[in-house]
């Protein structure tokens, strides 16, 4: 079960003393599942301590304004691609106690989408990629649109674990590289991956025009990422966890982006539970803690959970930096 504890000012202060032993380099998380999906492992109930300060919606922490402003630029440049799930709509509904984005004159502003009617993968997709790659961003935007769960295995420059493994598996020094265990599909090329995702998990609809412009899409993604150039692209010495972390967020959020950069630089494998606007998974997180806010992180290795980007980044550095 999930157990909330009184918020504290530091994740380290409330963190359990014992931590999972760092995983040996080269030991593949995907292979370690032994027939049990990553989502099933993540959903195996354990007591999680909710640590850190009380989460505040849309509040920029002291000293973080410059970081968040530059992290917001890509979403603006890309016209919000990765902010909404496919078939997004909004309506006023009676207050039924469920998650809603806002309350207006006693009614709730409810966001919905078409993704619940799409084919859903039984196991998370596996994606080798890194945060600073414009071709990878295209695919991440598609993941957000389709509301997919993805096991991200970060491949920053000089990373000793997932980059060599991806090259060994696929035979190329090229990213992103997708593995779909549901269909035994493995593939390169961002445009081909996006087409595959929409045909397989998007109701066979075409990707939006912003993801169908080939080189122009890649160029716009590259230009959008200039303010955060090299963030999330270069490896920083780390200790890998035994189990993947579980990370809730979505591509267009600047608060989520700065956390993903840290996850990538430390090569930390993470099950990414994409929950862009209109995602039904927002209700899942609401049911966990009585609120929805991202970024949100769960670490099954230490049995802690936390909101707030600054707190998550601090935790990742303290726990997984070498």
Protein backbone atom coordinates (compact mmCIF):
# COMPACT_ATOMS: atom_id res chain seq x y z
CA UNK A 1 0.00 0.00 0.00
CA UNK A 2 1.01 3.61 -0.33
CA UNK A 3 1.59 5.47 2.86
CA UNK A 4 1.88 9.24 3.10
CA UNK A 5 4.08 10.78 5.72
CA UNK A 6 4.31 14.32 6.92
CA UNK A 7 6.16 16.44 4.35
CA UNK A 8 9.71 17.37 5.28
CA UNK A 9 12.07 19.96 3.90
CA UNK A 10 14.58 17.48 2.54
CA UNK A 11 14.18 14.19 0.72
CA UNK A 12 17.38 12.99 2.35
CA UNK A 13 15.97 13.64 5.82
CA UNK A 14 13.04 11.24 5.34
CA UNK A 15 14.78 8.74 3.11
CA UNK A 16 15.17 5.19 4.39
CA UNK A 17 18.72 4.43 5.46
CA UNK A 18 19.05 1.27 3.37
CA UNK A 19 19.24 1.61 -0.39
CA UNK A 20 19.25 -0.90 -3.17
CA UNK A 21 22.75 -1.90 -4.14
CA UNK A 22 23.98 -0.25 -7.34
CA UNK A 23 23.52 -2.52 -10.32
CA UNK A 24 26.57 -3.83 -12.12
CA UNK A 25 27.31 -2.10 -15.41
CA UNK A 26 26.03 -3.93 -18.44
CA UNK A 27 23.34 -5.90 -16.56
CA UNK A 28 20.27 -5.28 -18.70
CA UNK A 29 17.14 -4.11 -16.94
CA UNK A 30 15.00 -5.48 -19.77
CA UNK A 31 16.49 -8.95 -19.43
CA UNK A 32 16.20 -8.79 -15.65
CA UNK A 33 12.41 -8.65 -15.86
CA UNK A 34 12.26 -12.44 -16.52
CA UNK A 35 8.79 -12.38 -18.01
CA UNK A 36 7.33 -9.80 -15.64
CA UNK A 37 6.54 -6.49 -17.28
CA UNK A 38 8.08 -3.31 -15.93
CA UNK A 39 4.64 -1.89 -15.19
CA UNK A 40 3.70 -5.00 -13.19
CA UNK A 41 6.89 -4.67 -11.18
CA UNK A 42 6.27 -0.96 -10.65
CA UNK A 43 2.70 -1.64 -9.54
CA UNK A 44 3.69 -4.30 -7.01
CA UNK A 45 2.46 -2.62 -3.85
CA UNK A 46 4.96 -1.52 -1.27
CA UNK A 47 4.90 1.18 1.31
CA UNK A 48 6.18 4.37 -0.25
CA UNK A 49 7.17 7.32 1.86
CA UNK A 50 6.14 10.58 0.29
CA UNK A 51 9.02 12.91 1.05
CA UNK A 52 9.86 16.51 0.33
CA UNK A 53 7.98 19.79 0.72
CA UNK A 54 4.27 20.19 0.03
CA UNK A 55 3.95 20.36 -3.77
CA UNK A 56 2.91 23.70 -5.22
CA UNK A 57 1.33 23.88 -8.68
CA UNK A 58 3.07 26.14 -11.23
CA UNK A 59 5.40 27.59 -8.58
CA UNK A 60 9.02 28.09 -9.61
CA UNK A 61 11.44 27.39 -6.79
CA UNK A 62 13.86 30.09 -5.69
CA UNK A 63 16.84 30.22 -8.03
CA UNK A 64 15.15 28.01 -10.65
CA UNK A 65 13.53 30.70 -12.82
CA UNK A 66 16.27 30.78 -15.48
CA UNK A 67 16.28 26.99 -15.77
CA UNK A 68 12.51 26.72 -16.12
CA UNK A 69 12.31 29.63 -18.57
CA UNK A 70 14.86 28.04 -20.91
CA UNK A 71 13.22 24.62 -20.49
CA UNK A 72 9.87 26.12 -21.52
CA UNK A 73 11.25 27.40 -24.84
CA UNK A 74 11.13 24.04 -26.69
CA UNK A 75 7.39 23.63 -26.07
CA UNK A 76 6.74 27.18 -27.25
CA UNK A 77 8.90 26.71 -30.35
CA UNK A 78 7.12 23.43 -31.10
CA UNK A 79 3.69 25.05 -30.62
CA UNK A 80 2.85 22.89 -27.63
CA UNK A 81 3.50 19.53 -29.30
CA UNK A 82 3.75 16.96 -26.52
CA UNK A 83 1.41 18.90 -24.21
CA UNK A 84 -1.87 17.21 -25.17
CA UNK A 85 -2.98 13.65 -25.77
CA UNK A 86 -4.58 12.71 -29.09
CA UNK A 87 -8.23 13.73 -29.41
CA UNK A 88 -7.98 16.15 -26.50
CA UNK A 89 -11.17 17.88 -25.38
CA UNK A 90 -12.38 19.77 -22.33
CA UNK A 91 -15.85 20.17 -20.80
CA UNK A 92 -17.65 21.31 -17.65
CA UNK A 93 -19.00 18.44 -15.55
CA UNK A 94 -20.62 18.09 -12.11
CA UNK A 95 -18.21 17.62 -9.22
CA UNK A 96 -17.85 13.84 -8.85
CA UNK A 97 -14.71 13.84 -6.71
CA UNK A 98 -12.45 12.80 -9.59
CA UNK A 99 -9.45 14.66 -10.96
CA UNK A 100 -10.18 17.84 -12.89
CA UNK A 101 -7.90 20.60 -14.01
CA UNK A 102 -9.94 23.38 -12.35
CA UNK A 103 -13.19 24.22 -10.59
CA UNK A 104 -15.55 26.80 -12.09
CA UNK A 105 -18.72 27.91 -10.25
CA UNK A 106 -19.15 24.57 -8.52
CA UNK A 107 -18.47 22.49 -11.64
CA UNK A 108 -15.25 20.79 -12.67
CA UNK A 109 -13.27 21.45 -15.84
CA UNK A 110 -12.63 17.92 -17.07
CA UNK A 111 -10.02 17.06 -19.72
CA UNK A 112 -10.47 13.92 -21.81
CA UNK A 113 -8.97 12.42 -24.97
CA UNK A 114 -9.36 9.60 -27.47
CA UNK A 115 -6.46 7.47 -26.21
CA UNK A 116 -8.64 5.20 -24.05
CA UNK A 117 -10.11 3.80 -27.26
CA UNK A 118 -6.72 3.06 -28.82
CA UNK A 119 -4.88 -0.25 -28.73
CA UNK A 120 -2.76 -0.24 -25.56
CA UNK A 121 0.52 -2.17 -25.29
CA UNK A 122 0.50 -4.82 -22.58
CA UNK A 123 4.17 -4.20 -21.86
CA UNK A 124 5.95 -0.84 -21.98
CA UNK A 125 7.91 -0.04 -25.10
CA UNK A 126 11.69 0.22 -24.68
CA UNK A 127 13.47 3.26 -26.07
CA UNK A 128 17.19 3.96 -26.17
CA UNK A 129 17.59 7.73 -26.54
CA UNK A 130 18.85 10.87 -24.82
CA UNK A 131 17.36 14.21 -23.93
CA UNK A 132 19.48 16.48 -26.15
CA UNK A 133 18.71 14.68 -29.44
CA UNK A 134 16.17 16.44 -31.74
CA UNK A 135 15.24 13.16 -33.42
CA UNK A 136 14.59 11.65 -29.99
CA UNK A 137 12.40 14.61 -29.06
CA UNK A 138 10.17 13.93 -32.06
CA UNK A 139 9.54 10.43 -30.77
CA UNK A 140 8.95 11.66 -27.22
CA UNK A 141 6.30 14.04 -28.52
CA UNK A 142 4.59 11.10 -30.22
CA UNK A 143 4.77 9.14 -26.95
CA UNK A 144 2.99 12.02 -25.17
CA UNK A 145 0.30 12.28 -27.85
CA UNK A 146 -0.42 8.55 -27.65
CA UNK A 147 -0.15 8.37 -23.85
CA UNK A 148 2.26 5.44 -23.93
CA UNK A 149 4.28 3.93 -21.10
CA UNK A 150 7.93 3.63 -22.13
CA UNK A 151 10.99 2.21 -20.44
CA UNK A 152 13.63 4.81 -21.24
CA UNK A 153 17.24 3.61 -21.25
CA UNK A 154 19.25 6.86 -21.53
CA UNK A 155 22.20 6.91 -23.95
CA UNK A 156 24.19 10.09 -23.19
CA UNK A 157 27.55 10.62 -24.88
CA UNK A 158 30.21 8.39 -23.27
CA UNK A 159 27.57 6.55 -21.25
CA UNK A 160 29.06 3.13 -20.37
CA UNK A 161 25.83 1.12 -20.14
CA UNK A 162 22.86 1.72 -22.42
CA UNK A 163 24.65 3.28 -25.40
CA UNK A 164 26.98 0.27 -25.89
CA UNK A 165 24.06 -2.08 -25.29
CA UNK A 166 21.93 -0.36 -27.92
CA UNK A 167 24.79 -0.53 -30.43
CA UNK A 168 25.25 -4.23 -29.69
CA UNK A 169 21.55 -4.96 -30.07
CA UNK A 170 20.88 -2.90 -33.18
CA UNK A 171 24.28 -2.76 -34.82
CA UNK A 172 24.30 1.01 -35.34
CA UNK A 173 25.51 4.08 -33.48
CA UNK A 174 22.17 5.75 -34.02
CA UNK A 175 19.33 7.03 -31.81
CA UNK A 176 16.50 6.75 -31.09
CA UNK A 177 16.29 2.96 -31.14
CA UNK A 178 12.93 1.36 -30.35
CA UNK A 179 12.14 -2.14 -29.11
CA UNK A 180 8.48 -3.16 -28.82
CA UNK A 181 8.26 -6.42 -26.86
CA UNK A 182 4.55 -6.67 -27.70
CA UNK A 183 5.20 -7.16 -31.42
CA UNK A 184 8.89 -8.19 -31.42
CA UNK A 185 9.61 -5.02 -33.42
CA UNK A 186 13.00 -3.31 -33.35
CA UNK A 187 13.68 -0.21 -35.40
CA UNK A 188 15.68 2.96 -36.00
CA UNK A 189 14.73 6.26 -37.72
CA UNK A 190 12.50 8.71 -35.85
CA UNK A 191 9.99 9.11 -38.70
CA UNK A 192 9.62 5.34 -39.08
CA UNK A 193 9.19 4.96 -35.31
CA UNK A 194 6.53 7.67 -35.19
CA UNK A 195 4.60 6.10 -38.09
CA UNK A 196 4.80 2.72 -36.37
CA UNK A 197 3.54 4.09 -33.06
CA UNK A 198 0.53 5.78 -34.66
CA UNK A 199 -0.35 2.77 -36.80
CA UNK A 200 -0.02 0.37 -33.86
CA UNK A 201 -1.18 2.42 -30.88
CA UNK A 202 -2.91 5.45 -32.38
CA UNK A 203 -6.01 4.02 -34.00
CA UNK A 204 -4.18 3.91 -37.35
CA UNK A 205 -4.52 7.70 -37.62
CA UNK A 206 -1.81 9.81 -39.20
CA UNK A 207 0.61 11.66 -36.94
CA UNK A 208 -0.13 15.41 -36.68
CA UNK A 209 1.44 17.59 -39.34
CA UNK A 210 4.04 18.88 -36.88
CA UNK A 211 5.53 15.38 -36.73
CA UNK A 212 5.25 14.64 -40.47
CA UNK A 213 7.58 17.26 -41.93
CA UNK A 214 10.68 15.07 -41.91
CA UNK A 215 13.85 17.13 -41.80
CA UNK A 216 11.89 20.33 -41.08
CA UNK A 217 10.48 18.76 -37.93
CA UNK A 218 13.97 17.70 -36.84
CA UNK A 219 15.35 21.18 -37.53
CA UNK A 220 12.58 22.84 -35.54
CA UNK A 221 13.20 20.43 -32.67
CA UNK A 222 16.91 21.22 -32.81
CA UNK A 223 16.32 24.97 -32.80
CA UNK A 224 13.82 24.63 -29.97
CA UNK A 225 16.41 22.88 -27.82
CA UNK A 226 19.18 25.45 -28.29
CA UNK A 227 18.57 27.19 -24.92
CA UNK A 228 19.15 23.83 -23.25
CA UNK A 229 21.99 22.81 -25.58
CA UNK A 230 23.91 19.76 -24.33
CA UNK A 231 21.67 19.36 -21.26
CA UNK A 232 20.92 15.68 -20.90
CA UNK A 233 23.44 14.76 -23.60
CA UNK A 234 26.69 14.03 -21.76
CA UNK A 235 27.26 11.29 -19.19
CA UNK A 236 27.99 12.05 -15.55
CA UNK A 237 29.48 9.29 -13.43
CA UNK A 238 26.69 7.40 -11.70
CA UNK A 239 25.59 4.35 -9.71
CA UNK A 240 22.78 2.54 -11.47
CA UNK A 241 19.74 1.30 -9.56
CA UNK A 242 18.77 -2.36 -9.40
CA UNK A 243 15.22 -1.53 -10.57
CA UNK A 244 14.06 1.20 -12.95
CA UNK A 245 12.62 4.29 -11.32
CA UNK A 246 9.02 5.22 -12.14
CA UNK A 247 8.70 8.73 -13.50
CA UNK A 248 5.47 10.56 -14.30
CA UNK A 249 5.56 13.54 -16.63
CA UNK A 250 5.07 14.75 -20.19
CA UNK A 251 7.27 16.18 -22.88
CA UNK A 252 6.05 19.78 -23.01
CA UNK A 253 6.41 20.50 -19.28
CA UNK A 254 9.54 22.54 -18.45
CA UNK A 255 9.51 21.19 -14.88
CA UNK A 256 9.54 17.64 -16.26
CA UNK A 257 12.24 18.47 -18.79
CA UNK A 258 14.84 19.54 -16.23
CA UNK A 259 14.30 16.31 -14.29
CA UNK A 260 14.57 14.17 -17.44
CA UNK A 261 17.87 15.88 -18.23
CA UNK A 262 19.22 14.70 -14.87
CA UNK A 263 17.91 11.16 -15.38
CA UNK A 264 19.62 11.04 -18.78
CA UNK A 265 22.96 12.41 -17.63
CA UNK A 266 23.10 9.83 -14.84
CA UNK A 267 21.97 7.02 -17.17
CA UNK A 268 19.17 6.15 -14.75
CA UNK A 269 16.67 3.75 -16.38
CA UNK A 270 13.12 4.89 -15.78
CA UNK A 271 9.63 3.75 -16.62
CA UNK A 272 8.12 6.90 -18.09
CA UNK A 273 4.39 7.11 -17.39
CA UNK A 274 3.45 9.77 -19.89
CA UNK A 275 0.48 11.84 -18.74
CA UNK A 276 0.00 14.86 -21.00
CA UNK A 277 -3.19 16.93 -20.86
CA UNK A 278 -6.20 14.65 -21.27
CA UNK A 279 -4.40 11.49 -20.14
CA UNK A 280 -6.54 9.04 -18.14
CA UNK A 281 -3.40 8.27 -16.11
CA UNK A 282 -3.86 11.61 -14.36
CA UNK A 283 -6.71 10.03 -12.43
CA UNK A 284 -4.38 7.19 -11.37
CA UNK A 285 -1.93 9.61 -9.77
CA UNK A 286 -4.83 11.55 -8.23
CA UNK A 287 -6.01 8.33 -6.57
CA UNK A 288 -2.53 7.65 -5.17
CA UNK A 289 -2.11 10.90 -3.25
CA UNK A 290 -5.32 12.92 -3.66
CA UNK A 291 -3.63 15.30 -6.08
CA UNK A 292 -2.16 15.39 -9.56
CA UNK A 293 1.12 17.14 -10.22
CA UNK A 294 4.16 16.34 -12.30
CA UNK A 295 7.02 15.71 -12.27
CA UNK A 296 6.44 12.87 -9.81
CA UNK A 297 9.00 10.17 -9.04
CA UNK A 298 8.85 6.77 -7.35
CA UNK A 299 12.00 4.85 -6.49
CA UNK A 300 11.29 1.17 -5.74
CA UNK A 301 14.94 0.80 -4.66
CA UNK A 302 14.54 3.11 -1.67
CA UNK A 303 10.74 3.10 -1.22
CA UNK A 304 10.39 6.87 -1.55
CA UNK A 305 8.13 9.02 -3.70
CA UNK A 306 8.26 12.75 -4.30
CA UNK A 307 6.88 15.70 -6.22
CA UNK A 308 8.71 18.96 -7.12
CA UNK A 309 11.44 19.13 -9.73
CA UNK A 310 14.06 20.69 -7.45
CA UNK A 311 13.54 17.97 -4.83
CA UNK A 312 13.70 15.19 -7.43
CA UNK A 313 16.91 16.55 -8.98
CA UNK A 314 18.50 16.86 -5.54
CA UNK A 315 17.49 13.28 -4.72
CA UNK A 316 18.87 11.89 -7.98
CA UNK A 317 22.22 13.60 -7.46
CA UNK A 318 22.50 12.45 -3.86
CA UNK A 319 21.41 8.88 -4.56
CA UNK A 320 22.81 8.02 -8.00
CA UNK A 321 25.78 10.30 -8.64
CA UNK A 322 29.05 8.37 -8.32
